[in-house]
């Protein structure tokens, strides 16, 4: 069994199709990365060191704990619930967290304050102008470390921007963000319809063939390196041809795959 050091992880990062100055959104599975000397903190240390001149972003989602029965999101206290690396990232004092009650993100590095600003001003998690939209503006790379497109919140954003029917709930939930200084901010929120992201895997091969996804490794984990601009370009085109591609778990019909393969 390999036990990875920070130096091992840095070498793997250097081999990826990413630059130290990039904006990086990372979704991850620590279990898939495997044994690391120093655990998850070492993984974060390697990421912090490699992207020291860029912007590192991790989700800080709380959609499982914040809702009508527990409407107050405390930006400095409500912990994320989507993996050990997101929790450790939350605990780093230099990380800046956005103020959206269910889909906040944490950011460290270049322009972290500007990147996370105003997330609480939108009534959907990934609206145009939100941090997920800013990934597109910043030509970001999205690293899926030991997970696949099913965990890529950015695709929820693309569906929002195309205005695909049935992707958001019909009724706003009366949620409240409590800022670190104690200010209470009403954030009426439409929630993502659950289950849709389970179908995002259906377009991975097409996106890889188009160069929107490249593959790498971190620890033992397979990494999908997604280009935010290309993902948006091709997925928007696919959705405009067939808005229901993510509505069920069935594989894409061959004729639709052929059509998507011809996209430019």
C-alpha atoms as a PDB file:
ATOM      1  CA  UNK A   1       0.000   0.000   0.000  1.00  0.00           C
ATOM      2  CA  UNK A   2       1.355   3.383  -0.988  1.00  0.00           C
ATOM      3  CA  UNK A   3       1.409   6.120   1.626  1.00  0.00           C
ATOM      4  CA  UNK A   4       1.593   9.456  -0.190  1.00  0.00           C
ATOM      5  CA  UNK A   5       3.564  12.454   1.060  1.00  0.00           C
ATOM      6  CA  UNK A   6       2.980  16.099   0.286  1.00  0.00           C
ATOM      7  CA  UNK A   7       5.851  15.925  -2.180  1.00  0.00           C
ATOM      8  CA  UNK A   8       4.167  13.006  -3.979  1.00  0.00           C
ATOM      9  CA  UNK A   9       0.941  14.979  -4.275  1.00  0.00           C
ATOM     10  CA  UNK A  10       2.765  18.069  -5.528  1.00  0.00           C
ATOM     11  CA  UNK A  11       4.375  16.004  -8.296  1.00  0.00           C
ATOM     12  CA  UNK A  12       0.944  14.715  -9.309  1.00  0.00           C
ATOM     13  CA  UNK A  13      -0.447  18.251  -9.345  1.00  0.00           C
ATOM     14  CA  UNK A  14       2.466  19.365 -11.514  1.00  0.00           C
ATOM     15  CA  UNK A  15       1.581  16.606 -13.988  1.00  0.00           C
ATOM     16  CA  UNK A  16      -2.039  17.748 -14.302  1.00  0.00           C
ATOM     17  CA  UNK A  17      -3.271  20.044 -17.097  1.00  0.00           C
ATOM     18  CA  UNK A  18      -3.609  22.927 -14.624  1.00  0.00           C
ATOM     19  CA  UNK A  19      -1.502  25.984 -13.811  1.00  0.00           C
ATOM     20  CA  UNK A  20      -0.568  27.384 -10.372  1.00  0.00           C
ATOM     21  CA  UNK A  21      -2.367  30.616 -11.297  1.00  0.00           C
ATOM     22  CA  UNK A  22      -5.657  28.877 -12.195  1.00  0.00           C
ATOM     23  CA  UNK A  23      -8.985  29.191 -10.446  1.00  0.00           C
ATOM     24  CA  UNK A  24      -9.753  25.660  -9.233  1.00  0.00           C
ATOM     25  CA  UNK A  25     -13.030  24.248  -7.919  1.00  0.00           C
ATOM     26  CA  UNK A  26     -12.493  20.825  -6.342  1.00  0.00           C
ATOM     27  CA  UNK A  27     -15.015  18.149  -5.434  1.00  0.00           C
ATOM     28  CA  UNK A  28     -13.358  15.196  -3.752  1.00  0.00           C
ATOM     29  CA  UNK A  29     -13.344  11.859  -1.985  1.00  0.00           C
ATOM     30  CA  UNK A  30     -10.574  11.507   0.588  1.00  0.00           C
ATOM     31  CA  UNK A  31     -11.227   7.775   0.678  1.00  0.00           C
ATOM     32  CA  UNK A  32     -10.456   7.543  -3.048  1.00  0.00           C
ATOM     33  CA  UNK A  33      -7.179   9.470  -2.612  1.00  0.00           C
ATOM     34  CA  UNK A  34      -6.006   6.772  -0.211  1.00  0.00           C
ATOM     35  CA  UNK A  35      -3.410   6.831   2.534  1.00  0.00           C
ATOM     36  CA  UNK A  36      -1.630  10.161   2.934  1.00  0.00           C
ATOM     37  CA  UNK A  37       0.998  10.966   5.523  1.00  0.00           C
ATOM     38  CA  UNK A  38      -0.765  13.577   7.621  1.00  0.00           C
ATOM     39  CA  UNK A  39      -4.198  12.796   6.167  1.00  0.00           C
ATOM     40  CA  UNK A  40      -6.493  15.377   4.652  1.00  0.00           C
ATOM     41  CA  UNK A  41      -4.519  18.300   6.060  1.00  0.00           C
ATOM     42  CA  UNK A  42      -1.555  17.233   3.938  1.00  0.00           C
ATOM     43  CA  UNK A  43      -3.762  17.128   0.850  1.00  0.00           C
ATOM     44  CA  UNK A  44      -4.892  20.697   1.548  1.00  0.00           C
ATOM     45  CA  UNK A  45      -1.313  21.787   2.266  1.00  0.00           C
ATOM     46  CA  UNK A  46      -0.247  20.467  -1.144  1.00  0.00           C
ATOM     47  CA  UNK A  47      -3.136  22.221  -2.867  1.00  0.00           C
ATOM     48  CA  UNK A  48      -2.448  25.494  -1.023  1.00  0.00           C
ATOM     49  CA  UNK A  49       1.214  25.344  -1.995  1.00  0.00           C
ATOM     50  CA  UNK A  50       0.650  24.486  -5.635  1.00  0.00           C
ATOM     51  CA  UNK A  51      -2.129  27.028  -6.261  1.00  0.00           C
ATOM     52  CA  UNK A  52      -0.548  29.749  -4.127  1.00  0.00           C
ATOM     53  CA  UNK A  53      -0.834  32.247  -6.996  1.00  0.00           C
ATOM     54  CA  UNK A  54      -4.329  31.180  -8.032  1.00  0.00           C
ATOM     55  CA  UNK A  55      -7.682  30.657  -6.346  1.00  0.00           C
ATOM     56  CA  UNK A  56      -8.673  27.388  -4.673  1.00  0.00           C
ATOM     57  CA  UNK A  57     -12.407  26.838  -4.184  1.00  0.00           C
ATOM     58  CA  UNK A  58     -14.148  23.992  -2.360  1.00  0.00           C
ATOM     59  CA  UNK A  59     -17.899  23.552  -1.853  1.00  0.00           C
ATOM     60  CA  UNK A  60     -19.186  24.214   1.657  1.00  0.00           C
ATOM     61  CA  UNK A  61     -22.694  22.889   1.046  1.00  0.00           C
ATOM     62  CA  UNK A  62     -25.275  22.656   3.803  1.00  0.00           C
ATOM     63  CA  UNK A  63     -28.380  21.723   1.805  1.00  0.00           C
ATOM     64  CA  UNK A  64     -28.939  18.600   3.933  1.00  0.00           C
ATOM     65  CA  UNK A  65     -29.066  20.538   7.202  1.00  0.00           C
ATOM     66  CA  UNK A  66     -30.533  23.940   6.268  1.00  0.00           C
ATOM     67  CA  UNK A  67     -34.214  24.045   5.306  1.00  0.00           C
ATOM     68  CA  UNK A  68     -37.674  25.034   6.535  1.00  0.00           C
ATOM     69  CA  UNK A  69     -37.217  23.183   9.844  1.00  0.00           C
ATOM     70  CA  UNK A  70     -33.752  24.676  10.421  1.00  0.00           C
ATOM     71  CA  UNK A  71     -33.690  27.881   8.382  1.00  0.00           C
ATOM     72  CA  UNK A  72     -30.713  29.730   9.883  1.00  0.00           C
ATOM     73  CA  UNK A  73     -27.325  29.273   8.236  1.00  0.00           C
ATOM     74  CA  UNK A  74     -24.498  30.560  10.421  1.00  0.00           C
ATOM     75  CA  UNK A  75     -21.743  31.376   7.956  1.00  0.00           C
ATOM     76  CA  UNK A  76     -18.936  30.907  10.465  1.00  0.00           C
ATOM     77  CA  UNK A  77     -20.395  27.955  12.373  1.00  0.00           C
ATOM     78  CA  UNK A  78     -22.654  25.782  10.176  1.00  0.00           C
ATOM     79  CA  UNK A  79     -20.394  23.010   8.981  1.00  0.00           C
ATOM     80  CA  UNK A  80     -20.401  21.570   5.455  1.00  0.00           C
ATOM     81  CA  UNK A  81     -21.508  17.968   5.109  1.00  0.00           C
ATOM     82  CA  UNK A  82     -19.961  16.737   1.872  1.00  0.00           C
ATOM     83  CA  UNK A  83     -16.637  15.211   2.834  1.00  0.00           C
ATOM     84  CA  UNK A  84     -13.641  15.461   5.109  1.00  0.00           C
ATOM     85  CA  UNK A  85     -11.646  17.789   2.861  1.00  0.00           C
ATOM     86  CA  UNK A  86     -14.486  20.322   2.768  1.00  0.00           C
ATOM     87  CA  UNK A  87     -14.695  20.194   6.569  1.00  0.00           C
ATOM     88  CA  UNK A  88     -10.948  20.666   7.003  1.00  0.00           C
ATOM     89  CA  UNK A  89     -11.037  23.493   4.463  1.00  0.00           C
ATOM     90  CA  UNK A  90     -13.820  25.133   6.491  1.00  0.00           C
ATOM     91  CA  UNK A  91     -11.588  25.069   9.569  1.00  0.00           C
ATOM     92  CA  UNK A  92      -8.721  26.963   7.920  1.00  0.00           C
ATOM     93  CA  UNK A  93      -8.961  30.555   9.185  1.00  0.00           C
ATOM     94  CA  UNK A  94      -7.684  32.054   5.932  1.00  0.00           C
ATOM     95  CA  UNK A  95     -10.564  30.587   3.888  1.00  0.00           C
ATOM     96  CA  UNK A  96     -13.331  33.024   2.860  1.00  0.00           C
ATOM     97  CA  UNK A  97     -16.857  31.552   2.739  1.00  0.00           C
ATOM     98  CA  UNK A  98     -19.756  32.818   0.661  1.00  0.00           C
ATOM     99  CA  UNK A  99     -23.070  33.515   2.402  1.00  0.00           C
ATOM    100  CA  UNK A 100     -25.522  31.349   0.469  1.00  0.00           C
ATOM    101  CA  UNK A 101     -27.482  29.248   2.988  1.00  0.00           C
ATOM    102  CA  UNK A 102     -27.428  25.907   1.149  1.00  0.00           C
ATOM    103  CA  UNK A 103     -24.651  26.046  -1.483  1.00  0.00           C
ATOM    104  CA  UNK A 104     -21.910  28.233  -0.058  1.00  0.00           C
ATOM    105  CA  UNK A 105     -18.350  27.880  -1.308  1.00  0.00           C
ATOM    106  CA  UNK A 106     -15.043  28.509   0.415  1.00  0.00           C
ATOM    107  CA  UNK A 107     -12.182  30.224  -1.391  1.00  0.00           C
ATOM    108  CA  UNK A 108      -8.517  30.811  -0.685  1.00  0.00           C
ATOM    109  CA  UNK A 109      -6.153  32.965  -2.695  1.00  0.00           C
ATOM    110  CA  UNK A 110      -6.378  35.530  -5.444  1.00  0.00           C
ATOM    111  CA  UNK A 111      -9.607  37.572  -5.213  1.00  0.00           C
ATOM    112  CA  UNK A 112     -11.226  35.225  -2.672  1.00  0.00           C
ATOM    113  CA  UNK A 113     -13.314  38.043  -1.196  1.00  0.00           C
ATOM    114  CA  UNK A 114     -14.589  39.229  -4.573  1.00  0.00           C
ATOM    115  CA  UNK A 115     -15.207  35.670  -5.737  1.00  0.00           C
ATOM    116  CA  UNK A 116     -17.413  34.791  -2.770  1.00  0.00           C
ATOM    117  CA  UNK A 117     -19.207  38.161  -2.573  1.00  0.00           C
ATOM    118  CA  UNK A 118     -22.965  38.543  -3.077  1.00  0.00           C
ATOM    119  CA  UNK A 119     -23.844  34.832  -3.180  1.00  0.00           C
ATOM    120  CA  UNK A 120     -26.622  35.552  -0.674  1.00  0.00           C
ATOM    121  CA  UNK A 121     -28.267  37.946  -3.135  1.00  0.00           C
ATOM    122  CA  UNK A 122     -29.507  35.129  -5.395  1.00  0.00           C
ATOM    123  CA  UNK A 123     -32.574  32.974  -4.847  1.00  0.00           C
ATOM    124  CA  UNK A 124     -31.045  29.939  -6.560  1.00  0.00           C
ATOM    125  CA  UNK A 125     -27.788  28.177  -5.685  1.00  0.00           C
ATOM    126  CA  UNK A 126     -25.889  28.670  -8.946  1.00  0.00           C
ATOM    127  CA  UNK A 127     -27.443  31.706 -10.619  1.00  0.00           C
ATOM    128  CA  UNK A 128     -25.707  33.927 -13.152  1.00  0.00           C
ATOM    129  CA  UNK A 129     -23.483  36.187 -11.056  1.00  0.00           C
ATOM    130  CA  UNK A 130     -22.981  33.585  -8.310  1.00  0.00           C
ATOM    131  CA  UNK A 131     -19.583  31.979  -7.629  1.00  0.00           C
ATOM    132  CA  UNK A 132     -20.531  29.135  -9.991  1.00  0.00           C
ATOM    133  CA  UNK A 133     -21.003  31.675 -12.788  1.00  0.00           C
ATOM    134  CA  UNK A 134     -17.696  33.278 -11.812  1.00  0.00           C
ATOM    135  CA  UNK A 135     -15.989  29.934 -12.510  1.00  0.00           C
ATOM    136  CA  UNK A 136     -17.002  30.432 -16.133  1.00  0.00           C
ATOM    137  CA  UNK A 137     -15.860  34.061 -16.157  1.00  0.00           C
ATOM    138  CA  UNK A 138     -12.473  33.082 -14.706  1.00  0.00           C
ATOM    139  CA  UNK A 139     -11.921  30.177 -17.164  1.00  0.00           C
ATOM    140  CA  UNK A 140     -11.660  27.874 -14.160  1.00  0.00           C
ATOM    141  CA  UNK A 141     -10.778  24.205 -13.976  1.00  0.00           C
ATOM    142  CA  UNK A 142     -12.996  21.876 -11.964  1.00  0.00           C
ATOM    143  CA  UNK A 143     -11.181  18.939 -10.370  1.00  0.00           C
ATOM    144  CA  UNK A 144     -13.318  15.901  -9.618  1.00  0.00           C
ATOM    145  CA  UNK A 145     -10.991  13.906  -7.377  1.00  0.00           C
ATOM    146  CA  UNK A 146     -12.200  10.355  -6.896  1.00  0.00           C
ATOM    147  CA  UNK A 147     -15.737  11.393  -7.910  1.00  0.00           C
ATOM    148  CA  UNK A 148     -17.422  11.859 -11.280  1.00  0.00           C
ATOM    149  CA  UNK A 149     -19.756  14.332 -12.979  1.00  0.00           C
ATOM    150  CA  UNK A 150     -22.552  13.336 -10.610  1.00  0.00           C
ATOM    151  CA  UNK A 151     -20.802  15.511  -7.984  1.00  0.00           C
ATOM    152  CA  UNK A 152     -20.230  18.487 -10.285  1.00  0.00           C
ATOM    153  CA  UNK A 153     -22.457  21.287  -8.946  1.00  0.00           C
ATOM    154  CA  UNK A 154     -21.362  23.485 -11.852  1.00  0.00           C
ATOM    155  CA  UNK A 155     -23.628  21.467 -14.179  1.00  0.00           C
ATOM    156  CA  UNK A 156     -26.590  22.466 -12.005  1.00  0.00           C
ATOM    157  CA  UNK A 157     -25.530  26.008 -12.846  1.00  0.00           C
ATOM    158  CA  UNK A 158     -25.499  25.319 -16.569  1.00  0.00           C
ATOM    159  CA  UNK A 159     -29.029  23.925 -16.341  1.00  0.00           C
ATOM    160  CA  UNK A 160     -30.079  27.063 -14.446  1.00  0.00           C
ATOM    161  CA  UNK A 161     -28.541  29.360 -17.080  1.00  0.00           C
ATOM    162  CA  UNK A 162     -30.305  27.528 -19.906  1.00  0.00           C
ATOM    163  CA  UNK A 163     -33.519  27.627 -17.829  1.00  0.00           C
ATOM    164  CA  UNK A 164     -34.304  23.918 -18.109  1.00  0.00           C
ATOM    165  CA  UNK A 165     -37.821  23.297 -16.723  1.00  0.00           C
ATOM    166  CA  UNK A 166     -38.225  21.210 -13.592  1.00  0.00           C
ATOM    167  CA  UNK A 167     -34.760  21.772 -12.165  1.00  0.00           C
ATOM    168  CA  UNK A 168     -35.796  24.062  -9.311  1.00  0.00           C
ATOM    169  CA  UNK A 169     -38.616  23.805  -6.797  1.00  0.00           C
ATOM    170  CA  UNK A 170     -41.789  25.838  -7.282  1.00  0.00           C
ATOM    171  CA  UNK A 171     -41.781  27.527  -3.883  1.00  0.00           C
ATOM    172  CA  UNK A 172     -39.211  29.698  -2.148  1.00  0.00           C
ATOM    173  CA  UNK A 173     -38.041  28.541   1.270  1.00  0.00           C
ATOM    174  CA  UNK A 174     -37.633  31.318   3.841  1.00  0.00           C
ATOM    175  CA  UNK A 175     -33.988  30.796   4.757  1.00  0.00           C
ATOM    176  CA  UNK A 176     -31.751  33.148   6.717  1.00  0.00           C
ATOM    177  CA  UNK A 177     -28.007  33.669   6.571  1.00  0.00           C
ATOM    178  CA  UNK A 178     -26.390  34.874   9.780  1.00  0.00           C
ATOM    179  CA  UNK A 179     -23.160  36.628   8.835  1.00  0.00           C
ATOM    180  CA  UNK A 180     -20.039  36.339  11.024  1.00  0.00           C
ATOM    181  CA  UNK A 181     -20.872  39.728  12.597  1.00  0.00           C
ATOM    182  CA  UNK A 182     -24.355  38.500  13.568  1.00  0.00           C
ATOM    183  CA  UNK A 183     -26.358  40.282  10.867  1.00  0.00           C
ATOM    184  CA  UNK A 184     -29.390  38.259   9.761  1.00  0.00           C
ATOM    185  CA  UNK A 185     -29.944  38.284   6.001  1.00  0.00           C
ATOM    186  CA  UNK A 186     -33.197  36.876   4.560  1.00  0.00           C
ATOM    187  CA  UNK A 187     -32.398  34.617   1.575  1.00  0.00           C
ATOM    188  CA  UNK A 188     -35.636  33.286   0.009  1.00  0.00           C
ATOM    189  CA  UNK A 189     -34.386  30.219  -1.834  1.00  0.00           C
ATOM    190  CA  UNK A 190     -35.518  27.893  -4.588  1.00  0.00           C
ATOM    191  CA  UNK A 191     -33.972  24.455  -4.122  1.00  0.00           C
ATOM    192  CA  UNK A 192     -32.604  22.091  -6.746  1.00  0.00           C
ATOM    193  CA  UNK A 193     -34.966  19.223  -7.509  1.00  0.00           C
ATOM    194  CA  UNK A 194     -33.211  16.193  -5.965  1.00  0.00           C
ATOM    195  CA  UNK A 195     -31.842  13.354  -8.047  1.00  0.00           C
ATOM    196  CA  UNK A 196     -31.093  15.145 -11.317  1.00  0.00           C
ATOM    197  CA  UNK A 197     -27.317  15.206 -10.792  1.00  0.00           C
ATOM    198  CA  UNK A 198     -27.284  11.399 -10.627  1.00  0.00           C
ATOM    199  CA  UNK A 199     -27.699  11.483 -14.423  1.00  0.00           C
ATOM    200  CA  UNK A 200     -24.814  13.798 -15.313  1.00  0.00           C
ATOM    201  CA  UNK A 201     -22.516  10.826 -15.980  1.00  0.00           C
ATOM    202  CA  UNK A 202     -24.285  10.290 -19.302  1.00  0.00           C
ATOM    203  CA  UNK A 203     -22.206  12.915 -21.140  1.00  0.00           C
ATOM    204  CA  UNK A 204     -18.725  12.220 -19.736  1.00  0.00           C
ATOM    205  CA  UNK A 205     -17.363  10.372 -22.774  1.00  0.00           C
ATOM    206  CA  UNK A 206     -18.664  12.990 -25.202  1.00  0.00           C
ATOM    207  CA  UNK A 207     -17.117  15.786 -23.153  1.00  0.00           C
ATOM    208  CA  UNK A 208     -13.815  13.935 -22.908  1.00  0.00           C
ATOM    209  CA  UNK A 209     -13.759  13.405 -26.672  1.00  0.00           C
ATOM    210  CA  UNK A 210     -14.333  17.178 -27.086  1.00  0.00           C
ATOM    211  CA  UNK A 211     -11.426  18.034 -24.787  1.00  0.00           C
ATOM    212  CA  UNK A 212     -13.676  19.445 -22.077  1.00  0.00           C
ATOM    213  CA  UNK A 213     -12.478  16.729 -19.683  1.00  0.00           C
ATOM    214  CA  UNK A 214      -8.934  15.424 -19.258  1.00  0.00           C
ATOM    215  CA  UNK A 215      -7.793  12.736 -16.837  1.00  0.00           C
ATOM    216  CA  UNK A 216      -5.148  12.766 -14.124  1.00  0.00           C
ATOM    217  CA  UNK A 217      -4.411  11.238 -10.717  1.00  0.00           C
ATOM    218  CA  UNK A 218      -4.110  12.479  -7.128  1.00  0.00           C
ATOM    219  CA  UNK A 219      -2.982   9.861  -4.677  1.00  0.00           C
ATOM    220  CA  UNK A 220      -4.847   6.742  -5.759  1.00  0.00           C
ATOM    221  CA  UNK A 221      -7.795   8.765  -7.043  1.00  0.00           C
ATOM    222  CA  UNK A 222      -8.736   9.200 -10.677  1.00  0.00           C
ATOM    223  CA  UNK A 223      -9.195  12.907 -11.390  1.00  0.00           C
ATOM    224  CA  UNK A 224     -11.473  14.455 -14.001  1.00  0.00           C
ATOM    225  CA  UNK A 225     -10.009  17.843 -14.933  1.00  0.00           C
ATOM    226  CA  UNK A 226     -12.958  19.753 -16.357  1.00  0.00           C
ATOM    227  CA  UNK A 227     -12.606  22.984 -18.310  1.00  0.00           C
ATOM    228  CA  UNK A 228     -15.450  25.220 -17.096  1.00  0.00           C
ATOM    229  CA  UNK A 229     -15.683  27.165 -20.354  1.00  0.00           C
ATOM    230  CA  UNK A 230     -15.794  24.074 -22.555  1.00  0.00           C
ATOM    231  CA  UNK A 231     -18.215  22.287 -20.242  1.00  0.00           C
ATOM    232  CA  UNK A 232     -20.584  25.224 -20.482  1.00  0.00           C
ATOM    233  CA  UNK A 233     -20.152  25.486 -24.258  1.00  0.00           C
ATOM    234  CA  UNK A 234     -20.949  21.848 -25.023  1.00  0.00           C
ATOM    235  CA  UNK A 235     -23.529  21.110 -22.323  1.00  0.00           C
ATOM    236  CA  UNK A 236     -25.510  24.222 -23.254  1.00  0.00           C
ATOM    237  CA  UNK A 237     -25.534  23.077 -26.884  1.00  0.00           C
ATOM    238  CA  UNK A 238     -26.652  19.575 -25.846  1.00  0.00           C
ATOM    239  CA  UNK A 239     -29.445  20.949 -23.655  1.00  0.00           C
ATOM    240  CA  UNK A 240     -30.708  23.242 -26.391  1.00  0.00           C
ATOM    241  CA  UNK A 241     -30.965  20.234 -28.714  1.00  0.00           C
ATOM    242  CA  UNK A 242     -32.539  17.959 -26.089  1.00  0.00           C
ATOM    243  CA  UNK A 243     -33.504  19.618 -22.761  1.00  0.00           C
ATOM    244  CA  UNK A 244     -34.381  16.277 -21.106  1.00  0.00           C
ATOM    245  CA  UNK A 245     -31.007  14.525 -21.390  1.00  0.00           C
ATOM    246  CA  UNK A 246     -30.580  14.561 -17.592  1.00  0.00           C
ATOM    247  CA  UNK A 247     -34.210  13.837 -16.747  1.00  0.00           C
ATOM    248  CA  UNK A 248     -33.743  10.068 -16.370  1.00  0.00           C
ATOM    249  CA  UNK A 249     -31.012   7.512 -15.818  1.00  0.00           C
ATOM    250  CA  UNK A 250     -31.340   5.829 -19.213  1.00  0.00           C
ATOM    251  CA  UNK A 251     -28.240   5.990 -21.471  1.00  0.00           C
ATOM    252  CA  UNK A 252     -28.409   8.443 -24.335  1.00  0.00           C
ATOM    253  CA  UNK A 253     -29.864   7.027 -27.579  1.00  0.00           C
ATOM    254  CA  UNK A 254     -27.233   6.306 -30.222  1.00  0.00           C
ATOM    255  CA  UNK A 255     -28.696   8.859 -32.630  1.00  0.00           C
ATOM    256  CA  UNK A 256     -28.432  11.576 -29.969  1.00  0.00           C
ATOM    257  CA  UNK A 257     -24.844  10.582 -29.183  1.00  0.00           C
ATOM    258  CA  UNK A 258     -24.045  10.870 -32.889  1.00  0.00           C
ATOM    259  CA  UNK A 259     -25.606  14.346 -32.987  1.00  0.00           C
ATOM    260  CA  UNK A 260     -23.672  15.467 -29.901  1.00  0.00           C
ATOM    261  CA  UNK A 261     -20.424  14.075 -31.291  1.00  0.00           C
ATOM    262  CA  UNK A 262     -20.784  16.421 -34.254  1.00  0.00           C
ATOM    263  CA  UNK A 263     -21.007  19.548 -32.097  1.00  0.00           C
ATOM    264  CA  UNK A 264     -18.309  22.162 -32.532  1.00  0.00           C
END
